[in-house]
Each structure stands twice: as structure tokens, then as C-alpha cells.
Amino acid sequence: MREILDDIERWRATGKRVALARVIDVEGSGPRLPGSAMAVNEDGEVAGSVSGGCGRGRGGDRGARHLGSGDRRRVTYGFSDDEAFAVGLTCGGTIHLFIEPLDW
């Protein structure tokens, strides 16, 4: 989380809306542990990671969607062994994220 704070503060200082996604649980193999975080701003810029790359786009897309609505929600992404292997992971797993817009 600390490594993304500078980006979040910079975005906030320019008035950009930001959503935060945090890993809250992992089933099976997971590239990031609970507590890992990723922020996305309204322009689609991303800081941090919740998935080591394979779910970054999905998490960023979901985060961006929540900016306008103000929704906070739990989302789940699962990766089969074949999907995981295709992006360079050794096996699949499921990650559970909590995504919320940051309200200044």
C-alpha cells in the first residue's frame, strides 16, 4: 500500500477520482497476498498490483467503473491452470478483491 500512496496523493492533488482495490482473500495459488493494493484513476492510470499482472486489467476496469457510481463491492477473479500458465504463472487460483472509490 505504501508504494502507491505517492501516486494517489498526486492524483488527488489534481482533482482526479481514484478507486482502490485490495486483496482480501486468496484461494489456491495467488501472486499477491491479502493486503496487496492497486489504485486506478479516472484516466485509467494504475499504481500497484493485486494480481501480478494477469488480473491487472480486470481489476483496473472494475475500479474505473466504480468511480462514477460510488459503489463499494467485493469481486472475485478465478484463473484456471491453463489461463495462469498462458500469462506466466505456475498454476491457477482465485483472488477476492474489495473495490471502493476513494472519497476526498
Protein backbone atom coordinates (compact mmCIF):
# COMPACT_ATOMS: atom_id res chain seq x y z
CA MET A 1 0.00 0.00 0.00
CA ARG A 2 2.78 2.45 0.87
CA GLU A 3 4.26 2.25 -2.62
CA ILE A 4 1.06 3.60 -4.20
CA LEU A 5 0.45 6.47 -1.78
CA ASP A 6 2.55 8.95 -3.76
CA ASP A 7 0.52 8.25 -6.91
CA ILE A 8 -2.78 8.52 -5.03
CA GLU A 9 -1.73 11.83 -3.47
CA ARG A 10 -0.58 13.21 -6.83
CA TRP A 11 -3.89 12.24 -8.45
CA ARG A 12 -5.86 13.70 -5.53
CA ALA A 13 -3.92 16.97 -5.76
CA THR A 14 -5.01 17.33 -9.40
CA GLY A 15 -8.64 16.55 -8.58
CA LYS A 16 -8.78 13.11 -10.24
CA ARG A 17 -11.18 10.49 -8.99
CA VAL A 18 -9.49 7.32 -7.71
CA ALA A 19 -10.65 3.79 -6.86
CA LEU A 20 -8.75 1.39 -4.62
CA ALA A 21 -8.76 -2.40 -4.98
CA ARG A 22 -7.40 -4.56 -2.16
CA VAL A 23 -6.85 -8.32 -1.99
CA ILE A 24 -8.97 -9.62 0.88
CA ASP A 25 -8.61 -13.38 0.32
CA VAL A 26 -6.83 -15.91 -1.91
CA GLU A 27 -7.87 -19.48 -2.70
CA GLY A 28 -5.27 -21.79 -4.19
CA SER A 29 -2.34 -20.09 -5.84
CA GLY A 30 -2.25 -16.32 -5.79
CA PRO A 31 0.52 -13.97 -6.90
CA ARG A 32 -0.37 -11.35 -4.26
CA LEU A 33 -1.24 -11.84 -0.60
CA PRO A 34 -4.20 -10.29 1.22
CA GLY A 35 -3.49 -6.63 1.85
CA SER A 36 -1.97 -6.03 -1.58
CA ALA A 37 -3.46 -2.96 -3.23
CA MET A 38 -3.91 -1.29 -6.59
CA ALA A 39 -5.26 2.19 -7.36
CA VAL A 40 -6.76 3.35 -10.64
CA ASN A 41 -7.70 6.89 -11.58
CA GLU A 42 -10.39 8.18 -13.92
CA ASP A 43 -7.88 8.31 -16.79
CA GLY A 44 -7.12 4.59 -16.40
CA GLU A 45 -3.68 5.09 -14.86
CA VAL A 46 -2.81 2.27 -12.46
CA ALA A 47 -0.49 2.12 -9.45
CA GLY A 48 0.31 -1.09 -7.58
CA SER A 49 -0.92 -4.59 -8.28
CA VAL A 50 -3.41 -7.10 -6.92
CA SER A 51 -2.53 -9.96 -9.23
CA GLY A 52 1.00 -9.85 -10.56
CA GLY A 53 -0.24 -8.73 -13.98
CA CYS A 54 -2.83 -11.31 -15.05
CA GLY A 55 -5.77 -9.56 -13.38
CA ARG A 56 -4.46 -6.03 -13.50
CA GLY A 57 -6.64 -5.06 -16.45
CA ARG A 58 -9.72 -6.67 -14.95
CA GLY A 59 -9.18 -5.02 -11.56
CA GLY A 60 -8.46 -1.67 -13.19
CA ASP A 61 -11.58 -1.89 -15.34
CA ARG A 62 -13.72 -2.75 -12.33
CA GLY A 63 -12.14 0.04 -10.28
CA ALA A 64 -12.75 2.60 -13.01
CA ARG A 65 -16.42 1.55 -13.25
CA HIS A 66 -16.91 2.20 -9.54
CA LEU A 67 -15.61 5.77 -9.72
CA GLY A 68 -18.82 7.24 -11.05
CA SER A 69 -21.24 5.10 -9.08
CA GLY A 70 -19.62 5.31 -5.66
CA ASP A 71 -20.22 1.58 -5.26
CA ARG A 72 -18.13 -0.47 -2.91
CA ARG A 73 -18.11 -4.17 -3.59
CA ARG A 74 -16.38 -7.48 -3.35
CA VAL A 75 -15.39 -9.11 -6.63
CA THR A 76 -13.82 -12.48 -7.37
CA TYR A 77 -11.47 -13.46 -10.19
CA GLY A 78 -10.57 -17.06 -10.85
CA PHE A 79 -7.88 -18.35 -13.18
CA SER A 80 -7.73 -21.90 -14.47
CA ASP A 81 -4.34 -23.62 -14.63
CA ASP A 82 -4.31 -23.13 -18.43
CA GLU A 83 -5.09 -19.40 -18.15
CA ALA A 84 -2.46 -18.96 -15.46
CA PHE A 85 0.18 -20.77 -17.49
CA ALA A 86 -0.58 -18.57 -20.52
CA VAL A 87 0.40 -15.45 -18.55
CA GLY A 88 3.45 -16.98 -16.88
CA LEU A 89 2.05 -18.28 -13.57
CA THR A 90 2.67 -21.86 -12.49
CA CYS A 91 -0.96 -22.64 -11.55
CA GLY A 92 -4.40 -21.10 -11.25
CA GLY A 93 -6.23 -19.74 -8.23
CA THR A 94 -8.91 -17.34 -7.10
CA ILE A 95 -8.48 -13.86 -5.67
CA HIS A 96 -11.14 -11.88 -3.84
CA LEU A 97 -10.94 -8.09 -4.03
CA PHE A 98 -12.69 -5.27 -2.24
CA ILE A 99 -13.01 -2.28 -4.58
CA GLU A 100 -14.06 1.18 -3.46
CA PRO A 101 -13.79 4.73 -4.73
CA LEU A 102 -11.69 6.99 -2.54
CA ASP A 103 -13.72 9.94 -1.35
CA TRP A 104 -11.72 13.10 -0.65
